[in-house]
Amino acid sequence: MAARARTRTSPAGEAGAGAGFTLVELMVVLAILGLVVALGMPAFERVLPGLQLKSSAQTVAAAMREARGMAIGTNREVALVIDIDGHTLRLDDAAPVRLSPGLALTLLTASREAIGAGSGRIRFYPDGTSTGGRVTLALDHRVYHVAVDWLTGRVVLGD
């Protein structure tokens, strides 16, 4: 009998019983992954309010910096209106920006810039100065202050 030559074209079909994953192994991995996610969720939920607070504080600081930049760039006064009761910021006639509703907000501004009991404004001038003021954002025991120096118009975000 003549020997037949075999040409190896693919390892398909040559795999042993140990190659690949069984359905049981995949189910065990998915169960472990589900357990890790379930145990991690409470920790994530504890961090989430702090992230909302910091994000809102950064939004306030960015709005103040934008107002100052607009005042300098357009050579006119620009006011940032802060509505404490409505949890909104509004730059001149632009659409209001909403902050997280669960935050406690306080506004310290010049008395002539108060608009009723629940809102006020911080005004920025073309030379970079402002009326000054501070917005305090609080949630539970965490607090952020966003302050504007009246002389320089510099915006500082601090906790």
N, C-alpha and C. Protein backbone atom coordinates (compact mmCIF):
# COMPACT_ATOMS: atom_id res chain seq x y z
N MET A 1 0.82 -1.16 0.00
CA MET A 1 0.00 0.00 0.00
C MET A 1 0.87 1.23 0.00
N ALA A 2 0.43 2.15 -0.75
CA ALA A 2 1.20 3.38 -0.82
C ALA A 2 0.80 4.30 0.32
N ALA A 3 1.76 5.00 0.85
CA ALA A 3 1.50 5.94 1.94
C ALA A 3 0.86 7.19 1.35
N ARG A 4 -0.16 7.64 2.03
CA ARG A 4 -0.83 8.84 1.57
C ARG A 4 -0.22 10.05 2.26
N ALA A 5 0.04 11.06 1.50
CA ALA A 5 0.60 12.29 2.08
C ALA A 5 -0.54 13.13 2.65
N ARG A 6 -0.33 13.62 3.84
CA ARG A 6 -1.34 14.49 4.47
C ARG A 6 -0.80 15.91 4.53
N THR A 7 -1.57 16.83 4.07
CA THR A 7 -1.18 18.22 4.13
C THR A 7 -1.97 18.88 5.26
N ARG A 8 -1.26 19.50 6.14
CA ARG A 8 -1.92 20.16 7.27
C ARG A 8 -2.36 21.54 6.82
N THR A 9 -3.65 21.80 6.80
CA THR A 9 -4.18 23.09 6.36
C THR A 9 -4.77 23.91 7.49
N SER A 10 -5.22 23.25 8.52
CA SER A 10 -5.88 23.97 9.59
C SER A 10 -5.85 23.12 10.84
N PRO A 11 -5.72 23.75 12.00
CA PRO A 11 -5.75 22.97 13.22
C PRO A 11 -7.17 22.59 13.63
N ALA A 12 -8.16 22.97 12.82
CA ALA A 12 -9.54 22.65 13.17
C ALA A 12 -9.72 21.15 13.24
N GLY A 13 -10.39 20.71 14.21
CA GLY A 13 -10.62 19.30 14.36
C GLY A 13 -9.52 18.58 15.10
N GLU A 14 -8.39 19.23 15.28
CA GLU A 14 -7.29 18.60 15.98
C GLU A 14 -7.23 19.01 17.44
N ALA A 15 -8.13 19.93 17.85
CA ALA A 15 -8.10 20.41 19.22
C ALA A 15 -8.46 19.29 20.18
N GLY A 16 -7.77 19.31 21.30
CA GLY A 16 -8.04 18.30 22.32
C GLY A 16 -9.26 18.67 23.13
N ALA A 17 -9.61 17.87 24.05
CA ALA A 17 -10.79 18.09 24.88
C ALA A 17 -10.63 19.30 25.80
N GLY A 18 -9.40 19.76 26.05
CA GLY A 18 -9.16 20.86 26.99
C GLY A 18 -9.21 22.24 26.36
N ALA A 19 -9.37 22.37 25.07
CA ALA A 19 -9.36 23.68 24.43
C ALA A 19 -10.74 24.32 24.53
N GLY A 20 -10.77 25.67 24.67
CA GLY A 20 -12.04 26.40 24.73
C GLY A 20 -12.62 26.41 26.14
N PHE A 21 -13.81 27.02 26.23
CA PHE A 21 -14.49 27.13 27.52
C PHE A 21 -15.82 26.40 27.44
N THR A 22 -16.19 25.80 28.52
CA THR A 22 -17.49 25.15 28.58
C THR A 22 -18.53 26.15 29.02
N LEU A 23 -19.76 25.80 28.81
CA LEU A 23 -20.87 26.67 29.23
C LEU A 23 -20.85 26.87 30.74
N VAL A 24 -20.51 25.86 31.48
CA VAL A 24 -20.46 25.96 32.94
C VAL A 24 -19.39 26.96 33.37
N GLU A 25 -18.23 26.91 32.72
CA GLU A 25 -17.16 27.86 33.06
C GLU A 25 -17.59 29.30 32.77
N LEU A 26 -18.24 29.51 31.63
CA LEU A 26 -18.71 30.85 31.29
C LEU A 26 -19.76 31.33 32.29
N MET A 27 -20.64 30.47 32.72
CA MET A 27 -21.66 30.84 33.70
C MET A 27 -21.04 31.21 35.04
N VAL A 28 -20.01 30.49 35.45
CA VAL A 28 -19.32 30.80 36.71
C VAL A 28 -18.67 32.17 36.62
N VAL A 29 -18.02 32.48 35.51
CA VAL A 29 -17.38 33.80 35.34
C VAL A 29 -18.43 34.90 35.36
N LEU A 30 -19.55 34.72 34.69
CA LEU A 30 -20.62 35.72 34.70
C LEU A 30 -21.20 35.91 36.10
N ALA A 31 -21.34 34.82 36.86
CA ALA A 31 -21.85 34.93 38.22
C ALA A 31 -20.89 35.72 39.10
N ILE A 32 -19.60 35.48 38.97
CA ILE A 32 -18.60 36.22 39.75
C ILE A 32 -18.62 37.69 39.36
N LEU A 33 -18.70 37.97 38.06
CA LEU A 33 -18.75 39.36 37.59
C LEU A 33 -20.00 40.06 38.13
N GLY A 34 -21.13 39.39 38.12
CA GLY A 34 -22.36 39.97 38.67
C GLY A 34 -22.25 40.26 40.15
N LEU A 35 -21.59 39.39 40.89
CA LEU A 35 -21.39 39.59 42.32
C LEU A 35 -20.51 40.80 42.59
N VAL A 36 -19.45 40.95 41.82
CA VAL A 36 -18.55 42.10 41.98
C VAL A 36 -19.29 43.40 41.70
N VAL A 37 -20.09 43.43 40.63
CA VAL A 37 -20.86 44.63 40.30
C VAL A 37 -21.88 44.94 41.40
N ALA A 38 -22.56 43.91 41.89
CA ALA A 38 -23.57 44.11 42.94
C ALA A 38 -22.95 44.65 44.22
N LEU A 39 -21.77 44.16 44.57
CA LEU A 39 -21.10 44.65 45.78
C LEU A 39 -20.53 46.04 45.60
N GLY A 40 -20.20 46.41 44.36
CA GLY A 40 -19.62 47.72 44.10
C GLY A 40 -20.63 48.84 43.99
N MET A 41 -21.88 48.55 43.72
CA MET A 41 -22.90 49.58 43.54
C MET A 41 -23.12 50.47 44.76
N PRO A 42 -23.21 49.94 45.97
CA PRO A 42 -23.38 50.85 47.12
C PRO A 42 -22.24 51.84 47.27
N ALA A 43 -21.03 51.41 46.99
CA ALA A 43 -19.90 52.33 47.08
C ALA A 43 -20.02 53.42 46.03
N PHE A 44 -20.45 53.06 44.84
CA PHE A 44 -20.63 54.04 43.78
C PHE A 44 -21.73 55.04 44.13
N GLU A 45 -22.82 54.56 44.73
CA GLU A 45 -23.92 55.44 45.10
C GLU A 45 -23.51 56.42 46.20
N ARG A 46 -22.58 56.02 47.05
CA ARG A 46 -22.09 56.94 48.09
C ARG A 46 -21.23 58.04 47.48
N VAL A 47 -20.53 57.75 46.41
CA VAL A 47 -19.65 58.72 45.77
C VAL A 47 -20.43 59.66 44.86
N LEU A 48 -21.52 59.20 44.27
CA LEU A 48 -22.27 59.97 43.29
C LEU A 48 -22.72 61.35 43.78
N PRO A 49 -23.28 61.51 44.97
CA PRO A 49 -23.67 62.87 45.41
C PRO A 49 -22.49 63.83 45.47
N GLY A 50 -21.34 63.36 45.89
CA GLY A 50 -20.16 64.20 45.93
C GLY A 50 -19.74 64.65 44.54
N LEU A 51 -19.91 63.77 43.57
CA LEU A 51 -19.59 64.13 42.19
C LEU A 51 -20.56 65.16 41.65
N GLN A 52 -21.84 65.03 42.01
CA GLN A 52 -22.84 66.02 41.58
C GLN A 52 -22.52 67.39 42.18
N LEU A 53 -22.11 67.41 43.44
CA LEU A 53 -21.77 68.67 44.09
C LEU A 53 -20.57 69.32 43.42
N LYS A 54 -19.52 68.54 43.19
CA LYS A 54 -18.32 69.09 42.56
C LYS A 54 -18.61 69.56 41.15
N SER A 55 -19.39 68.80 40.41
CA SER A 55 -19.75 69.18 39.05
C SER A 55 -20.53 70.49 39.03
N SER A 56 -21.45 70.65 39.96
CA SER A 56 -22.23 71.90 40.04
C SER A 56 -21.33 73.07 40.40
N ALA A 57 -20.40 72.87 41.32
CA ALA A 57 -19.46 73.94 41.69
C ALA A 57 -18.60 74.33 40.50
N GLN A 58 -18.16 73.36 39.73
CA GLN A 58 -17.37 73.66 38.53
C GLN A 58 -18.20 74.38 37.49
N THR A 59 -19.48 74.07 37.40
CA THR A 59 -20.38 74.75 36.48
C THR A 59 -20.52 76.22 36.86
N VAL A 60 -20.67 76.48 38.16
CA VAL A 60 -20.78 77.87 38.64
C VAL A 60 -19.49 78.63 38.33
N ALA A 61 -18.35 78.03 38.62
CA ALA A 61 -17.06 78.68 38.37
C ALA A 61 -16.88 78.95 36.88
N ALA A 62 -17.24 78.00 36.04
CA ALA A 62 -17.10 78.18 34.59
C ALA A 62 -18.00 79.31 34.09
N ALA A 63 -19.22 79.39 34.63
CA ALA A 63 -20.14 80.46 34.23
C ALA A 63 -19.58 81.83 34.63
N MET A 64 -18.98 81.91 35.81
CA MET A 64 -18.39 83.18 36.25
C MET A 64 -17.21 83.57 35.36
N ARG A 65 -16.37 82.59 35.03
CA ARG A 65 -15.23 82.87 34.16
C ARG A 65 -15.69 83.29 32.76
N GLU A 66 -16.74 82.64 32.29
CA GLU A 66 -17.29 83.01 30.98
C GLU A 66 -17.85 84.43 31.01
N ALA A 67 -18.54 84.79 32.07
CA ALA A 67 -19.09 86.14 32.19
C ALA A 67 -17.97 87.17 32.19
N ARG A 68 -16.91 86.90 32.92
CA ARG A 68 -15.76 87.83 32.96
C ARG A 68 -15.13 87.95 31.58
N GLY A 69 -14.95 86.82 30.91
CA GLY A 69 -14.36 86.84 29.57
C GLY A 69 -15.23 87.59 28.58
N MET A 70 -16.55 87.42 28.68
CA MET A 70 -17.47 88.15 27.80
C MET A 70 -17.40 89.65 28.06
N ALA A 71 -17.32 90.03 29.32
CA ALA A 71 -17.26 91.46 29.66
C ALA A 71 -16.00 92.10 29.08
N ILE A 72 -14.90 91.41 29.20
CA ILE A 72 -13.64 91.94 28.66
C ILE A 72 -13.68 91.93 27.14
N GLY A 73 -14.15 90.82 26.55
CA GLY A 73 -14.14 90.68 25.10
C GLY A 73 -15.10 91.59 24.36
N THR A 74 -16.26 91.86 24.96
CA THR A 74 -17.26 92.71 24.29
C THR A 74 -17.22 94.16 24.78
N ASN A 75 -16.38 94.43 25.77
CA ASN A 75 -16.21 95.77 26.32
C ASN A 75 -17.53 96.34 26.86
N ARG A 76 -18.27 95.48 27.57
CA ARG A 76 -19.52 95.91 28.21
C ARG A 76 -19.73 95.11 29.49
N GLU A 77 -20.58 95.60 30.36
CA GLU A 77 -20.90 94.89 31.60
C GLU A 77 -21.67 93.61 31.28
N VAL A 78 -21.36 92.55 32.02
CA VAL A 78 -22.07 91.29 31.88
C VAL A 78 -22.44 90.83 33.29
N ALA A 79 -23.70 90.44 33.45
CA ALA A 79 -24.17 89.99 34.76
C ALA A 79 -24.47 88.51 34.73
N LEU A 80 -24.06 87.83 35.78
CA LEU A 80 -24.43 86.44 35.98
C LEU A 80 -25.49 86.42 37.06
N VAL A 81 -26.70 85.99 36.69
CA VAL A 81 -27.82 85.95 37.63
C VAL A 81 -27.87 84.56 38.25
N ILE A 82 -27.86 84.50 39.57
CA ILE A 82 -27.92 83.24 40.30
C ILE A 82 -29.25 83.18 41.03
N ASP A 83 -30.08 82.21 40.65
CA ASP A 83 -31.38 82.01 41.28
C ASP A 83 -31.23 80.87 42.29
N ILE A 84 -31.16 81.23 43.55
CA ILE A 84 -30.95 80.25 44.62
C ILE A 84 -32.16 79.32 44.74
N ASP A 85 -33.34 79.88 44.67
CA ASP A 85 -34.56 79.08 44.83
C ASP A 85 -34.77 78.12 43.65
N GLY A 86 -34.48 78.58 42.45
CA GLY A 86 -34.69 77.77 41.25
C GLY A 86 -33.49 76.92 40.86
N HIS A 87 -32.38 77.06 41.59
CA HIS A 87 -31.15 76.32 41.29
C HIS A 87 -30.71 76.52 39.84
N THR A 88 -30.69 77.79 39.40
CA THR A 88 -30.27 78.08 38.04
C THR A 88 -29.27 79.22 37.99
N LEU A 89 -28.50 79.24 36.90
CA LEU A 89 -27.60 80.34 36.58
C LEU A 89 -28.03 80.86 35.22
N ARG A 90 -27.91 82.17 35.04
CA ARG A 90 -28.26 82.74 33.73
C ARG A 90 -27.28 83.86 33.43
N LEU A 91 -26.70 83.76 32.26
CA LEU A 91 -25.73 84.76 31.81
C LEU A 91 -26.44 85.73 30.88
N ASP A 92 -26.63 86.96 31.34
CA ASP A 92 -27.38 87.97 30.59
C ASP A 92 -28.71 87.40 30.12
N ASP A 93 -28.94 87.36 28.81
CA ASP A 93 -30.21 86.88 28.28
C ASP A 93 -30.14 85.44 27.77
N ALA A 94 -29.08 84.73 28.11
CA ALA A 94 -28.94 83.33 27.66
C ALA A 94 -29.92 82.43 28.42
N ALA A 95 -30.08 81.22 27.92
CA ALA A 95 -30.95 80.25 28.58
C ALA A 95 -30.35 79.88 29.93
N PRO A 96 -31.18 79.66 30.94
CA PRO A 96 -30.65 79.30 32.26
C PRO A 96 -30.00 77.92 32.26
N VAL A 97 -29.01 77.77 33.11
CA VAL A 97 -28.32 76.49 33.32
C VAL A 97 -28.78 75.95 34.66
N ARG A 98 -29.27 74.72 34.68
CA ARG A 98 -29.78 74.11 35.91
C ARG A 98 -28.66 73.44 36.68
N LEU A 99 -28.72 73.60 38.00
CA LEU A 99 -27.82 72.90 38.91
C LEU A 99 -28.59 71.77 39.57
N SER A 100 -27.89 70.86 40.19
CA SER A 100 -28.54 69.73 40.87
C SER A 100 -29.53 70.25 41.90
N PRO A 101 -30.78 69.79 41.88
CA PRO A 101 -31.80 70.34 42.78
C PRO A 101 -31.61 69.97 44.24
N GLY A 102 -30.85 68.95 44.57
CA GLY A 102 -30.69 68.55 45.96
C GLY A 102 -29.65 69.35 46.72
N LEU A 103 -29.01 70.29 46.08
CA LEU A 103 -27.95 71.07 46.73
C LEU A 103 -28.53 72.24 47.52
N ALA A 104 -27.83 72.61 48.57
CA ALA A 104 -28.16 73.84 49.30
C ALA A 104 -27.27 74.94 48.75
N LEU A 105 -27.86 76.01 48.27
CA LEU A 105 -27.11 77.12 47.69
C LEU A 105 -27.26 78.37 48.54
N THR A 106 -26.19 79.11 48.67
CA THR A 106 -26.25 80.44 49.28
C THR A 106 -25.45 81.39 48.40
N LEU A 107 -25.88 82.64 48.38
CA LEU A 107 -25.22 83.67 47.57
C LEU A 107 -24.87 84.85 48.46
N LEU A 108 -23.62 85.26 48.36
CA LEU A 108 -23.17 86.48 49.03
C LEU A 108 -22.76 87.44 47.94
N THR A 109 -23.46 88.56 47.85
CA THR A 109 -23.15 89.55 46.81
C THR A 109 -23.42 90.94 47.35
N ALA A 110 -23.05 91.94 46.58
CA ALA A 110 -23.30 93.32 46.99
C ALA A 110 -24.81 93.53 47.15
N SER A 111 -25.20 94.32 48.12
CA SER A 111 -26.63 94.50 48.41
C SER A 111 -27.38 95.08 47.21
N ARG A 112 -26.73 95.91 46.42
CA ARG A 112 -27.42 96.49 45.25
C ARG A 112 -27.61 95.47 44.13
N GLU A 113 -26.95 94.31 44.22
CA GLU A 113 -27.07 93.27 43.21
C GLU A 113 -28.10 92.20 43.59
N ALA A 114 -28.72 92.35 44.76
CA ALA A 114 -29.74 91.39 45.19
C ALA A 114 -31.00 91.61 44.37
N ILE A 115 -31.61 90.49 43.96
CA ILE A 115 -32.87 90.53 43.21
C ILE A 115 -33.87 89.74 44.05
N GLY A 116 -34.51 90.37 44.95
CA GLY A 116 -35.42 89.67 45.84
C GLY A 116 -34.65 88.83 46.85
N ALA A 117 -35.38 87.96 47.54
CA ALA A 117 -34.77 87.16 48.60
C ALA A 117 -34.06 85.92 48.07
N GLY A 118 -34.48 85.41 46.91
CA GLY A 118 -33.95 84.13 46.44
C GLY A 118 -33.00 84.20 45.28
N SER A 119 -32.58 85.40 44.88
CA SER A 119 -31.65 85.48 43.76
C SER A 119 -30.87 86.78 43.79
N GLY A 120 -29.83 86.80 43.02
CA GLY A 120 -28.98 87.98 42.94
C GLY A 120 -28.05 87.83 41.74
N ARG A 121 -27.17 88.80 41.59
CA ARG A 121 -26.25 88.72 40.45
C ARG A 121 -24.85 89.16 40.86
N ILE A 122 -23.93 88.71 40.08
CA ILE A 122 -22.55 89.17 40.18
C ILE A 122 -22.24 89.79 38.83
N ARG A 123 -21.85 91.04 38.87
CA ARG A 123 -21.64 91.81 37.64
C ARG A 123 -20.14 91.88 37.35
N PHE A 124 -19.80 91.70 36.07
CA PHE A 124 -18.41 91.78 35.62
C PHE A 124 -18.28 92.98 34.69
N TYR A 125 -17.16 93.71 34.81
CA TYR A 125 -16.94 94.93 34.06
C TYR A 125 -15.87 94.73 32.98
N PRO A 126 -15.85 95.60 31.96
CA PRO A 126 -14.91 95.45 30.84
C PRO A 126 -13.43 95.47 31.25
N ASP A 127 -13.11 96.08 32.38
CA ASP A 127 -11.71 96.11 32.81
C ASP A 127 -11.31 94.85 33.59
N GLY A 128 -12.22 93.88 33.72
CA GLY A 128 -11.91 92.63 34.41
C GLY A 128 -12.35 92.59 35.86
N THR A 129 -12.72 93.72 36.41
CA THR A 129 -13.18 93.75 37.81
C THR A 129 -14.62 93.27 37.88
N SER A 130 -15.11 93.17 39.11
CA SER A 130 -16.49 92.71 39.29
C SER A 130 -17.07 93.31 40.57
N THR A 131 -18.32 93.02 40.81
CA THR A 131 -18.94 93.44 42.07
C THR A 131 -18.52 92.50 43.20
N GLY A 132 -17.94 91.36 42.83
CA GLY A 132 -17.48 90.39 43.83
C GLY A 132 -18.63 89.58 44.38
N GLY A 133 -18.29 88.53 45.06
CA GLY A 133 -19.32 87.71 45.68
C GLY A 133 -18.85 86.28 45.86
N ARG A 134 -19.75 85.49 46.40
CA ARG A 134 -19.43 84.08 46.64
C ARG A 134 -20.72 83.26 46.57
N VAL A 135 -20.62 82.11 45.90
CA VAL A 135 -21.71 81.14 45.88
C VAL A 135 -21.21 79.92 46.65
N THR A 136 -22.00 79.49 47.62
CA THR A 136 -21.66 78.31 48.41
C THR A 136 -22.63 77.20 48.06
N LEU A 137 -22.07 76.05 47.74
CA LEU A 137 -22.87 74.87 47.40
C LEU A 137 -22.59 73.82 48.45
N ALA A 138 -23.64 73.22 49.00
CA ALA A 138 -23.47 72.23 50.07
C ALA A 138 -24.38 71.04 49.84
N LEU A 139 -23.88 69.89 50.26
CA LEU A 139 -24.65 68.66 50.22
C LEU A 139 -24.12 67.78 51.34
N ASP A 140 -25.01 67.41 52.26
CA ASP A 140 -24.61 66.64 53.44
C ASP A 140 -23.51 67.41 54.18
N HIS A 141 -22.35 66.84 54.33
CA HIS A 141 -21.28 67.50 55.07
C HIS A 141 -20.23 68.10 54.14
N ARG A 142 -20.43 68.02 52.82
CA ARG A 142 -19.48 68.56 51.85
C ARG A 142 -19.90 69.96 51.44
N VAL A 143 -18.90 70.85 51.27
CA VAL A 143 -19.17 72.24 50.91
C VAL A 143 -18.14 72.70 49.88
N TYR A 144 -18.59 73.42 48.88
CA TYR A 144 -17.71 74.09 47.92
C TYR A 144 -18.06 75.57 47.89
N HIS A 145 -17.03 76.41 47.81
CA HIS A 145 -17.20 77.85 47.69
C HIS A 145 -16.65 78.28 46.34
N VAL A 146 -17.42 79.08 45.62
CA VAL A 146 -16.94 79.67 44.37
C VAL A 146 -16.97 81.18 44.61
N ALA A 147 -15.78 81.76 44.70
CA ALA A 147 -15.66 83.18 45.06
C ALA A 147 -15.10 83.99 43.90
N VAL A 148 -15.56 85.25 43.83
CA VAL A 148 -15.06 86.20 42.84
C VAL A 148 -14.47 87.38 43.58
N ASP A 149 -13.22 87.67 43.31
CA ASP A 149 -12.55 88.83 43.91
C ASP A 149 -13.04 90.08 43.18
N TRP A 150 -13.50 91.08 43.91
CA TRP A 150 -14.07 92.27 43.29
C TRP A 150 -13.02 93.09 42.55
N LEU A 151 -11.79 93.11 43.07
CA LEU A 151 -10.75 93.95 42.48
C LEU A 151 -10.18 93.37 41.19
N THR A 152 -9.96 92.07 41.17
CA THR A 152 -9.34 91.45 39.99
C THR A 152 -10.33 90.66 39.13
N GLY A 153 -11.49 90.33 39.68
CA GLY A 153 -12.46 89.51 38.95
C GLY A 153 -12.07 88.04 38.91
N ARG A 154 -11.01 87.68 39.63
CA ARG A 154 -10.52 86.29 39.62
C ARG A 154 -11.53 85.38 40.30
N VAL A 155 -11.78 84.23 39.67
CA VAL A 155 -12.73 83.25 40.20
C VAL A 155 -11.93 82.12 40.84
N VAL A 156 -12.29 81.79 42.09
CA VAL A 156 -11.59 80.73 42.83
C VAL A 156 -12.60 79.71 43.30
N LEU A 157 -12.31 78.44 43.00
CA LEU A 157 -13.15 77.33 43.45
C LEU A 157 -12.40 76.63 44.57
N GLY A 158 -13.04 76.54 45.74
CA GLY A 158 -12.40 75.89 46.88
C GLY A 158 -13.41 75.13 47.71
N ASP A 159 -12.90 74.21 48.53
CA ASP A 159 -13.80 73.47 49.41
C ASP A 159 -13.53 73.80 50.84
